[in-house]
Amino acid sequence: MIPIVIAALFLFPLAGFGLFTLVVCMFSAWEWGVLAGFASRHQRIWIAMLFGLLLGFVMLAMPGYWPCLTAWKATYTLWFGLVWWTVSLLLVLCYPRSATLWRASRPLRLSCGILTIAPFFWGLLTLRQYHYDINRFTGAWWILYVMILVWSMDSGAYIFGRAWGRHKLAPRVSPGKTWEGVVGGLITSASICWLFGKYAPLEIAPLTLFICSIIAALSSVLGDLSESMFKREAGIKESSYLIPGHGGILDRIDSLTASVPVFCGLMLLIFNAI
């Protein structure tokens, strides 16, 4: 699926990329309906449609080329995203005791899905439109950087974890993940992203990029663990079977749902780097 993602980044105009991202998020909302306890297909279709209409209405209401960097809609959503992933970290660390807070409430579990998907959506749009009026590809390079950061983190964690993994990271949530895998993933992502940042047109202070990248890479692990926690409570292994042999959309973007808003939020709201 990487060629499709890269094509959407560099070939689609801003509006086309926004619609592509909106469709991905609608499918993700449809899948989250299962995690929230909505077993009926019709109920999940309504959830996806209402979620898409809400995001689409706000997106189309933004003037010009969608200056997300200054729009309160994006700013507040990214703040909500940073707060949500801080809360999610506590939920994962305290699981299964933390599940007593939301296990019996479908609206609360659905709200967790909204807080997961909406900041991801606005984070992608915010990064994509960065300097769009000057160079339409600048934002695409930023998104590709975050994706490579996450992909290398996942790949490095898998390789190092399989080879040397001994100490479990979160055995009650995802027994397969180890601390050795996390360290190996950080080493891999840091190496690959250093090379990428050296040759790609990313104009930013190296220390700021390093701090944001490390935190975003760690948050990608949290995104994976968070979805695993909700799937475990729902009693399912895959969010859906939309992608044959690979599960659902959420299974493919769970790491990105955390890393994109965290990276964008740090760069925009904390370090004021973009």
C-alpha atoms as a PDB file:
ATOM      1  CA  MET A   1       0.000   0.000   0.000  1.00  0.00           C
ATOM      2  CA  ILE A   2       3.040   2.304   0.205  1.00  0.00           C
ATOM      3  CA  PRO A   3       2.846   3.366  -3.482  1.00  0.00           C
ATOM      4  CA  ILE A   4      -0.799   4.391  -2.975  1.00  0.00           C
ATOM      5  CA  VAL A   5       0.102   6.474   0.077  1.00  0.00           C
ATOM      6  CA  ILE A   6       3.023   8.188  -1.664  1.00  0.00           C
ATOM      7  CA  ALA A   7       0.869   8.878  -4.727  1.00  0.00           C
ATOM      8  CA  ALA A   8      -1.806  10.467  -2.522  1.00  0.00           C
ATOM      9  CA  LEU A   9       0.858  12.616  -0.862  1.00  0.00           C
ATOM     10  CA  PHE A  10       2.633  13.956  -3.918  1.00  0.00           C
ATOM     11  CA  LEU A  11       0.124  13.653  -6.775  1.00  0.00           C
ATOM     12  CA  PHE A  12      -3.165  14.678  -5.171  1.00  0.00           C
ATOM     13  CA  PRO A  13      -3.949  18.384  -4.802  1.00  0.00           C
ATOM     14  CA  LEU A  14      -4.719  19.603  -1.300  1.00  0.00           C
ATOM     15  CA  ALA A  15      -8.460  19.054  -1.737  1.00  0.00           C
ATOM     16  CA  GLY A  16      -7.894  15.576  -3.130  1.00  0.00           C
ATOM     17  CA  PHE A  17      -5.608  14.643  -0.270  1.00  0.00           C
ATOM     18  CA  GLY A  18      -8.185  15.950   2.190  1.00  0.00           C
ATOM     19  CA  LEU A  19     -10.907  13.784   0.650  1.00  0.00           C
ATOM     20  CA  PHE A  20      -8.597  10.753   0.574  1.00  0.00           C
ATOM     21  CA  THR A  21      -7.786  11.240   4.273  1.00  0.00           C
ATOM     22  CA  LEU A  22     -11.472  11.767   5.058  1.00  0.00           C
ATOM     23  CA  VAL A  23     -12.389   8.421   3.456  1.00  0.00           C
ATOM     24  CA  VAL A  24      -9.654   6.635   5.423  1.00  0.00           C
ATOM     25  CA  CYS A  25     -10.936   8.179   8.662  1.00  0.00           C
ATOM     26  CA  MET A  26     -14.542   7.235   7.845  1.00  0.00           C
ATOM     27  CA  PHE A  27     -13.524   3.603   7.384  1.00  0.00           C
ATOM     28  CA  SER A  28     -11.579   3.850  10.647  1.00  0.00           C
ATOM     29  CA  ALA A  29     -14.682   5.202  12.419  1.00  0.00           C
ATOM     30  CA  TRP A  30     -16.711   2.331  10.950  1.00  0.00           C
ATOM     31  CA  GLU A  31     -14.205  -0.138  12.412  1.00  0.00           C
ATOM     32  CA  TRP A  32     -14.096   1.640  15.767  1.00  0.00           C
ATOM     33  CA  GLY A  33     -17.816   1.021  16.044  1.00  0.00           C
ATOM     34  CA  VAL A  34     -16.979  -2.618  16.764  1.00  0.00           C
ATOM     35  CA  LEU A  35     -14.503  -1.600  19.471  1.00  0.00           C
ATOM     36  CA  ALA A  36     -17.203   0.634  20.971  1.00  0.00           C
ATOM     37  CA  GLY A  37     -19.654  -2.263  21.142  1.00  0.00           C
ATOM     38  CA  PHE A  38     -21.865  -1.487  18.125  1.00  0.00           C
ATOM     39  CA  ALA A  39     -22.234  -4.908  16.535  1.00  0.00           C
ATOM     40  CA  SER A  40     -24.851  -3.889  13.961  1.00  0.00           C
ATOM     41  CA  ARG A  41     -23.458  -3.049  10.528  1.00  0.00           C
ATOM     42  CA  HIS A  42     -26.120  -0.362  10.071  1.00  0.00           C
ATOM     43  CA  GLN A  43     -25.152   1.337  13.329  1.00  0.00           C
ATOM     44  CA  ARG A  44     -21.500   1.430  12.294  1.00  0.00           C
ATOM     45  CA  ILE A  45     -22.400   2.824   8.873  1.00  0.00           C
ATOM     46  CA  TRP A  46     -24.280   5.655  10.563  1.00  0.00           C
ATOM     47  CA  ILE A  47     -21.305   6.304  12.843  1.00  0.00           C
ATOM     48  CA  ALA A  48     -18.964   6.523   9.838  1.00  0.00           C
ATOM     49  CA  MET A  49     -21.339   8.786   7.893  1.00  0.00           C
ATOM     50  CA  LEU A  50     -21.941  11.180  10.781  1.00  0.00           C
ATOM     51  CA  PHE A  51     -18.226  11.314  11.543  1.00  0.00           C
ATOM     52  CA  GLY A  52     -17.427  11.978   7.887  1.00  0.00           C
ATOM     53  CA  LEU A  53     -20.090  14.672   7.580  1.00  0.00           C
ATOM     54  CA  LEU A  54     -18.809  16.442  10.685  1.00  0.00           C
ATOM     55  CA  LEU A  55     -15.174  16.435   9.549  1.00  0.00           C
ATOM     56  CA  GLY A  56     -16.131  17.246   5.963  1.00  0.00           C
ATOM     57  CA  PHE A  57     -18.298  20.204   6.994  1.00  0.00           C
ATOM     58  CA  VAL A  58     -15.544  21.712   9.138  1.00  0.00           C
ATOM     59  CA  MET A  59     -12.955  21.053   6.430  1.00  0.00           C
ATOM     60  CA  LEU A  60     -15.009  22.731   3.700  1.00  0.00           C
ATOM     61  CA  ALA A  61     -15.814  25.660   5.985  1.00  0.00           C
ATOM     62  CA  MET A  62     -12.148  26.611   6.145  1.00  0.00           C
ATOM     63  CA  PRO A  63     -11.315  29.445   3.705  1.00  0.00           C
ATOM     64  CA  GLY A  64      -8.769  29.572   0.912  1.00  0.00           C
ATOM     65  CA  TYR A  65      -6.174  26.839   0.994  1.00  0.00           C
ATOM     66  CA  TRP A  66      -7.211  25.772   4.514  1.00  0.00           C
ATOM     67  CA  PRO A  67      -4.676  27.553   6.748  1.00  0.00           C
ATOM     68  CA  CYS A  68      -4.779  24.810   9.374  1.00  0.00           C
ATOM     69  CA  LEU A  69      -1.771  26.206  11.186  1.00  0.00           C
ATOM     70  CA  THR A  70      -3.804  29.193  12.387  1.00  0.00           C
ATOM     71  CA  ALA A  71      -7.309  27.729  12.429  1.00  0.00           C
ATOM     72  CA  TRP A  72      -8.752  27.236  15.903  1.00  0.00           C
ATOM     73  CA  LYS A  73     -10.417  24.010  14.709  1.00  0.00           C
ATOM     74  CA  ALA A  74      -7.066  22.381  14.077  1.00  0.00           C
ATOM     75  CA  THR A  75      -5.329  23.954  17.074  1.00  0.00           C
ATOM     76  CA  TYR A  76      -7.928  22.832  19.602  1.00  0.00           C
ATOM     77  CA  THR A  77      -8.168  19.381  18.038  1.00  0.00           C
ATOM     78  CA  LEU A  78      -4.404  18.915  18.275  1.00  0.00           C
ATOM     79  CA  TRP A  79      -4.486  20.002  21.938  1.00  0.00           C
ATOM     80  CA  PHE A  80      -7.237  17.447  22.537  1.00  0.00           C
ATOM     81  CA  GLY A  81      -5.037  14.891  20.795  1.00  0.00           C
ATOM     82  CA  LEU A  82      -2.060  15.598  23.058  1.00  0.00           C
ATOM     83  CA  VAL A  83      -4.265  15.366  26.145  1.00  0.00           C
ATOM     84  CA  TRP A  84      -5.974  12.206  24.907  1.00  0.00           C
ATOM     85  CA  TRP A  85      -2.718  10.335  24.269  1.00  0.00           C
ATOM     86  CA  THR A  86      -1.491  11.324  27.713  1.00  0.00           C
ATOM     87  CA  VAL A  87      -4.687   9.856  29.163  1.00  0.00           C
ATOM     88  CA  SER A  88      -4.363   6.823  26.898  1.00  0.00           C
ATOM     89  CA  LEU A  89      -0.876   6.180  28.262  1.00  0.00           C
ATOM     90  CA  LEU A  90      -2.309   6.048  31.775  1.00  0.00           C
ATOM     91  CA  LEU A  91      -5.112   3.725  30.627  1.00  0.00           C
ATOM     92  CA  VAL A  92      -2.617   1.331  29.040  1.00  0.00           C
ATOM     93  CA  LEU A  93      -0.279   1.389  32.047  1.00  0.00           C
ATOM     94  CA  CYS A  94      -3.161   0.683  34.445  1.00  0.00           C
ATOM     95  CA  TYR A  95      -4.936  -1.915  32.284  1.00  0.00           C
ATOM     96  CA  PRO A  96      -7.015  -3.980  33.073  1.00  0.00           C
ATOM     97  CA  ARG A  97      -8.076  -1.922  36.105  1.00  0.00           C
ATOM     98  CA  SER A  98      -8.508   1.150  33.919  1.00  0.00           C
ATOM     99  CA  ALA A  99     -11.019  -0.686  31.746  1.00  0.00           C
ATOM    100  CA  THR A 100     -13.583  -0.473  34.554  1.00  0.00           C
ATOM    101  CA  LEU A 101     -13.864   3.244  33.748  1.00  0.00           C
ATOM    102  CA  TRP A 102     -15.065   2.770  30.153  1.00  0.00           C
ATOM    103  CA  ARG A 103     -15.804  -0.935  29.613  1.00  0.00           C
ATOM    104  CA  ALA A 104     -19.569  -0.691  30.193  1.00  0.00           C
ATOM    105  CA  SER A 105     -20.163   2.590  28.361  1.00  0.00           C
ATOM    106  CA  ARG A 106     -20.528   2.491  24.576  1.00  0.00           C
ATOM    107  CA  PRO A 107     -20.699   6.310  24.262  1.00  0.00           C
ATOM    108  CA  LEU A 108     -17.471   6.639  26.243  1.00  0.00           C
ATOM    109  CA  ARG A 109     -15.698   4.058  24.079  1.00  0.00           C
ATOM    110  CA  LEU A 110     -17.011   5.820  20.991  1.00  0.00           C
ATOM    111  CA  SER A 111     -15.671   9.117  22.341  1.00  0.00           C
ATOM    112  CA  CYS A 112     -12.250   7.489  22.685  1.00  0.00           C
ATOM    113  CA  GLY A 113     -12.458   6.631  18.995  1.00  0.00           C
ATOM    114  CA  ILE A 114     -13.300  10.214  18.070  1.00  0.00           C
ATOM    115  CA  LEU A 115     -10.348  11.454  20.140  1.00  0.00           C
ATOM    116  CA  THR A 116      -8.150   8.949  18.326  1.00  0.00           C
ATOM    117  CA  ILE A 117      -9.232   9.598  14.729  1.00  0.00           C
ATOM    118  CA  ALA A 118     -10.101  13.329  14.628  1.00  0.00           C
ATOM    119  CA  PRO A 119      -6.660  14.619  15.778  1.00  0.00           C
ATOM    120  CA  PHE A 120      -5.047  12.213  13.306  1.00  0.00           C
ATOM    121  CA  PHE A 121      -7.165  13.717  10.516  1.00  0.00           C
ATOM    122  CA  TRP A 122      -6.347  17.328  11.399  1.00  0.00           C
ATOM    123  CA  GLY A 123      -2.703  16.506  12.022  1.00  0.00           C
ATOM    124  CA  LEU A 124      -2.359  15.148   8.490  1.00  0.00           C
ATOM    125  CA  LEU A 125      -4.129  18.152   6.944  1.00  0.00           C
ATOM    126  CA  THR A 126      -2.073  20.598   9.009  1.00  0.00           C
ATOM    127  CA  LEU A 127       1.201  19.033   7.947  1.00  0.00           C
ATOM    128  CA  ARG A 128       0.101  18.672   4.325  1.00  0.00           C
ATOM    129  CA  GLN A 129      -0.817  22.330   3.887  1.00  0.00           C
ATOM    130  CA  TYR A 130       2.383  23.627   5.497  1.00  0.00           C
ATOM    131  CA  HIS A 131       3.823  26.277   3.121  1.00  0.00           C
ATOM    132  CA  TYR A 132       1.434  25.020   0.445  1.00  0.00           C
ATOM    133  CA  ASP A 133       1.182  28.500  -1.076  1.00  0.00           C
ATOM    134  CA  ILE A 134       4.971  28.571  -1.516  1.00  0.00           C
ATOM    135  CA  ASN A 135       5.767  24.947  -2.350  1.00  0.00           C
ATOM    136  CA  ARG A 136       2.955  22.404  -2.689  1.00  0.00           C
ATOM    137  CA  PHE A 137       5.282  19.503  -1.803  1.00  0.00           C
ATOM    138  CA  THR A 138       6.766  20.788   1.477  1.00  0.00           C
ATOM    139  CA  GLY A 139       3.958  19.348   3.594  1.00  0.00           C
ATOM    140  CA  ALA A 140       4.082  16.053   1.721  1.00  0.00           C
ATOM    141  CA  TRP A 141       7.741  15.657   2.705  1.00  0.00           C
ATOM    142  CA  TRP A 142       6.829  16.271   6.359  1.00  0.00           C
ATOM    143  CA  ILE A 143       4.109  13.614   6.319  1.00  0.00           C
ATOM    144  CA  LEU A 144       6.406  11.167   4.542  1.00  0.00           C
ATOM    145  CA  TYR A 145       9.012  11.823   7.240  1.00  0.00           C
ATOM    146  CA  VAL A 146       6.555  10.927  10.011  1.00  0.00           C
ATOM    147  CA  MET A 147       5.421   7.818   8.146  1.00  0.00           C
ATOM    148  CA  ILE A 148       8.997   6.628   7.624  1.00  0.00           C
ATOM    149  CA  LEU A 149       9.632   7.343  11.298  1.00  0.00           C
ATOM    150  CA  VAL A 150       6.744   5.067  12.267  1.00  0.00           C
ATOM    151  CA  TRP A 151       7.432   2.379   9.666  1.00  0.00           C
ATOM    152  CA  SER A 152      11.089   2.117  10.704  1.00  0.00           C
ATOM    153  CA  MET A 153      10.075   2.069  14.378  1.00  0.00           C
ATOM    154  CA  ASP A 154       7.660  -0.802  13.749  1.00  0.00           C
ATOM    155  CA  SER A 155      10.112  -2.749  11.593  1.00  0.00           C
ATOM    156  CA  GLY A 156      13.044  -2.261  13.970  1.00  0.00           C
ATOM    157  CA  ALA A 157      10.926  -3.237  16.973  1.00  0.00           C
ATOM    158  CA  TYR A 158       9.784  -6.403  15.209  1.00  0.00           C
ATOM    159  CA  ILE A 159      13.296  -7.446  14.144  1.00  0.00           C
ATOM    160  CA  PHE A 160      15.011  -6.663  17.446  1.00  0.00           C
ATOM    161  CA  GLY A 161      12.112  -8.063  19.439  1.00  0.00           C
ATOM    162  CA  ARG A 162      12.146 -11.370  17.596  1.00  0.00           C
ATOM    163  CA  ALA A 163      15.923 -11.666  17.901  1.00  0.00           C
ATOM    164  CA  TRP A 164      16.584 -10.466  21.453  1.00  0.00           C
ATOM    165  CA  GLY A 165      13.230  -9.775  23.091  1.00  0.00           C
ATOM    166  CA  ARG A 166      13.089 -11.024  26.668  1.00  0.00           C
ATOM    167  CA  HIS A 167      11.404  -8.384  28.815  1.00  0.00           C
ATOM    168  CA  LYS A 168       7.708  -7.804  28.103  1.00  0.00           C
ATOM    169  CA  LEU A 169       6.601  -4.228  27.503  1.00  0.00           C
ATOM    170  CA  ALA A 170       2.894  -4.547  28.318  1.00  0.00           C
ATOM    171  CA  PRO A 171       2.037  -8.240  28.724  1.00  0.00           C
ATOM    172  CA  ARG A 172      -1.580  -7.608  29.716  1.00  0.00           C
ATOM    173  CA  VAL A 173      -2.231  -5.555  26.586  1.00  0.00           C
ATOM    174  CA  SER A 174       0.077  -6.979  23.906  1.00  0.00           C
ATOM    175  CA  PRO A 175       2.216  -9.940  25.050  1.00  0.00           C
ATOM    176  CA  GLY A 176       4.370  -9.895  21.906  1.00  0.00           C
ATOM    177  CA  LYS A 177       5.991  -6.510  22.489  1.00  0.00           C
ATOM    178  CA  THR A 178       9.249  -6.228  24.413  1.00  0.00           C
ATOM    179  CA  TRP A 179      11.479  -3.468  25.757  1.00  0.00           C
ATOM    180  CA  GLU A 180      14.308  -4.752  23.577  1.00  0.00           C
ATOM    181  CA  GLY A 181      12.061  -4.269  20.562  1.00  0.00           C
ATOM    182  CA  VAL A 182      11.281  -0.681  21.571  1.00  0.00           C
ATOM    183  CA  VAL A 183      14.981   0.154  21.955  1.00  0.00           C
ATOM    184  CA  GLY A 184      15.770  -1.513  18.633  1.00  0.00           C
ATOM    185  CA  GLY A 185      12.937   0.368  16.971  1.00  0.00           C
ATOM    186  CA  LEU A 186      14.220   3.690  18.309  1.00  0.00           C
ATOM    187  CA  ILE A 187      17.714   2.953  17.012  1.00  0.00           C
ATOM    188  CA  THR A 188      16.362   1.970  13.614  1.00  0.00           C
ATOM    189  CA  SER A 189      14.015   4.942  13.268  1.00  0.00           C
ATOM    190  CA  ALA A 190      16.663   7.400  14.490  1.00  0.00           C
ATOM    191  CA  SER A 191      19.169   6.111  11.929  1.00  0.00           C
ATOM    192  CA  ILE A 192      16.783   6.086   8.976  1.00  0.00           C
ATOM    193  CA  CYS A 193      15.204   9.433   9.811  1.00  0.00           C
ATOM    194  CA  TRP A 194      18.628  11.036  10.267  1.00  0.00           C
ATOM    195  CA  LEU A 195      19.447  10.043   6.700  1.00  0.00           C
ATOM    196  CA  PHE A 196      16.040  11.154   5.464  1.00  0.00           C
ATOM    197  CA  GLY A 197      16.224  14.493   7.266  1.00  0.00           C
ATOM    198  CA  LYS A 198      19.724  15.083   5.940  1.00  0.00           C
ATOM    199  CA  TYR A 199      18.697  14.919   2.284  1.00  0.00           C
ATOM    200  CA  ALA A 200      14.992  15.830   2.354  1.00  0.00           C
ATOM    201  CA  PRO A 201      13.944  19.516   2.305  1.00  0.00           C
ATOM    202  CA  LEU A 202      13.102  19.781   6.012  1.00  0.00           C
ATOM    203  CA  GLU A 203      14.103  23.195   7.340  1.00  0.00           C
ATOM    204  CA  ILE A 204      14.146  22.918  11.121  1.00  0.00           C
ATOM    205  CA  ALA A 205      16.586  23.015  14.019  1.00  0.00           C
ATOM    206  CA  PRO A 206      18.127  19.516  14.401  1.00  0.00           C
ATOM    207  CA  LEU A 207      17.559  19.391  18.182  1.00  0.00           C
ATOM    208  CA  THR A 208      13.866  20.258  17.810  1.00  0.00           C
ATOM    209  CA  LEU A 209      13.427  17.633  15.113  1.00  0.00           C
ATOM    210  CA  PHE A 210      15.234  15.053  17.253  1.00  0.00           C
ATOM    211  CA  ILE A 211      13.059  15.666  20.335  1.00  0.00           C
ATOM    212  CA  CYS A 212       9.799  15.650  18.379  1.00  0.00           C
ATOM    213  CA  SER A 213      10.837  12.547  16.449  1.00  0.00           C
ATOM    214  CA  ILE A 214      11.752  10.525  19.546  1.00  0.00           C
ATOM    215  CA  ILE A 215       8.487  11.402  21.298  1.00  0.00           C
ATOM    216  CA  ALA A 216       6.490  10.683  18.119  1.00  0.00           C
ATOM    217  CA  ALA A 217       8.250   7.330  17.674  1.00  0.00           C
ATOM    218  CA  LEU A 218       7.425   6.344  21.261  1.00  0.00           C
ATOM    219  CA  SER A 219       3.841   7.522  20.818  1.00  0.00           C
ATOM    220  CA  SER A 220       3.514   5.213  17.807  1.00  0.00           C
ATOM    221  CA  VAL A 221       4.036   2.301  20.209  1.00  0.00           C
ATOM    222  CA  LEU A 222       1.325   3.777  22.424  1.00  0.00           C
ATOM    223  CA  GLY A 223      -1.048   3.984  19.458  1.00  0.00           C
ATOM    224  CA  ASP A 224      -0.541   0.289  18.771  1.00  0.00           C
ATOM    225  CA  LEU A 225      -0.987  -0.637  22.431  1.00  0.00           C
ATOM    226  CA  SER A 226      -4.098   1.515  22.792  1.00  0.00           C
ATOM    227  CA  GLU A 227      -5.880  -0.151  19.893  1.00  0.00           C
ATOM    228  CA  SER A 228      -4.793  -3.566  21.190  1.00  0.00           C
ATOM    229  CA  MET A 229      -6.333  -2.689  24.554  1.00  0.00           C
ATOM    230  CA  PHE A 230      -9.685  -1.788  22.995  1.00  0.00           C
ATOM    231  CA  LYS A 231      -9.617  -4.863  20.741  1.00  0.00           C
ATOM    232  CA  ARG A 232      -8.878  -7.081  23.730  1.00  0.00           C
ATOM    233  CA  GLU A 233     -11.914  -5.677  25.548  1.00  0.00           C
ATOM    234  CA  ALA A 234     -14.045  -6.164  22.419  1.00  0.00           C
ATOM    235  CA  GLY A 235     -12.820  -9.755  22.111  1.00  0.00           C
ATOM    236  CA  ILE A 236     -11.532  -9.393  18.537  1.00  0.00           C
ATOM    237  CA  LYS A 237      -8.137  -9.856  16.905  1.00  0.00           C
ATOM    238  CA  GLU A 238      -8.581  -7.589  13.878  1.00  0.00           C
ATOM    239  CA  SER A 239     -10.524  -4.338  13.637  1.00  0.00           C
ATOM    240  CA  SER A 240     -12.054  -5.639  10.382  1.00  0.00           C
ATOM    241  CA  TYR A 241     -11.116  -7.615   7.278  1.00  0.00           C
ATOM    242  CA  LEU A 242     -11.235  -4.793   4.744  1.00  0.00           C
ATOM    243  CA  ILE A 243      -7.641  -5.488   3.666  1.00  0.00           C
ATOM    244  CA  PRO A 244      -7.300  -9.217   2.863  1.00  0.00           C
ATOM    245  CA  GLY A 245      -4.500 -10.731   4.904  1.00  0.00           C
ATOM    246  CA  HIS A 246      -3.794  -7.494   6.775  1.00  0.00           C
ATOM    247  CA  GLY A 247      -6.895  -6.865   8.887  1.00  0.00           C
ATOM    248  CA  GLY A 248      -8.543  -3.462   8.892  1.00  0.00           C
ATOM    249  CA  ILE A 249      -7.644   0.152   8.288  1.00  0.00           C
ATOM    250  CA  LEU A 250      -7.141   0.777  12.006  1.00  0.00           C
ATOM    251  CA  ASP A 251      -4.735  -2.147  12.196  1.00  0.00           C
ATOM    252  CA  ARG A 252      -2.574  -0.435   9.574  1.00  0.00           C
ATOM    253  CA  ILE A 253      -2.720   3.115  10.923  1.00  0.00           C
ATOM    254  CA  ASP A 254      -2.936   2.532  14.698  1.00  0.00           C
ATOM    255  CA  SER A 255       0.646   3.735  15.199  1.00  0.00           C
ATOM    256  CA  LEU A 256       0.077   6.771  12.979  1.00  0.00           C
ATOM    257  CA  THR A 257      -3.095   7.807  14.822  1.00  0.00           C
ATOM    258  CA  ALA A 258      -0.876   8.652  17.781  1.00  0.00           C
ATOM    259  CA  SER A 259       2.382   9.723  16.132  1.00  0.00           C
ATOM    260  CA  VAL A 260       0.874  12.169  13.592  1.00  0.00           C
ATOM    261  CA  PRO A 261      -1.060  14.405  16.057  1.00  0.00           C
ATOM    262  CA  VAL A 262       1.690  14.154  18.675  1.00  0.00           C
ATOM    263  CA  PHE A 263       4.406  15.127  16.182  1.00  0.00           C
ATOM    264  CA  CYS A 264       2.293  17.901  14.667  1.00  0.00           C
ATOM    265  CA  GLY A 265       1.155  19.142  18.079  1.00  0.00           C
ATOM    266  CA  LEU A 266       4.707  19.301  19.419  1.00  0.00           C
ATOM    267  CA  MET A 267       5.992  21.082  16.324  1.00  0.00           C
ATOM    268  CA  LEU A 268       3.104  23.551  16.151  1.00  0.00           C
ATOM    269  CA  LEU A 269       1.924  24.111  19.712  1.00  0.00           C
ATOM    270  CA  ILE A 270       4.941  23.366  21.911  1.00  0.00           C
ATOM    271  CA  PHE A 271       8.056  24.286  19.900  1.00  0.00           C
ATOM    272  CA  ASN A 272       6.349  26.664  17.432  1.00  0.00           C
ATOM    273  CA  ALA A 273       8.642  25.193  14.772  1.00  0.00           C
ATOM    274  CA  ILE A 274       6.167  25.191  11.856  1.00  0.00           C
END
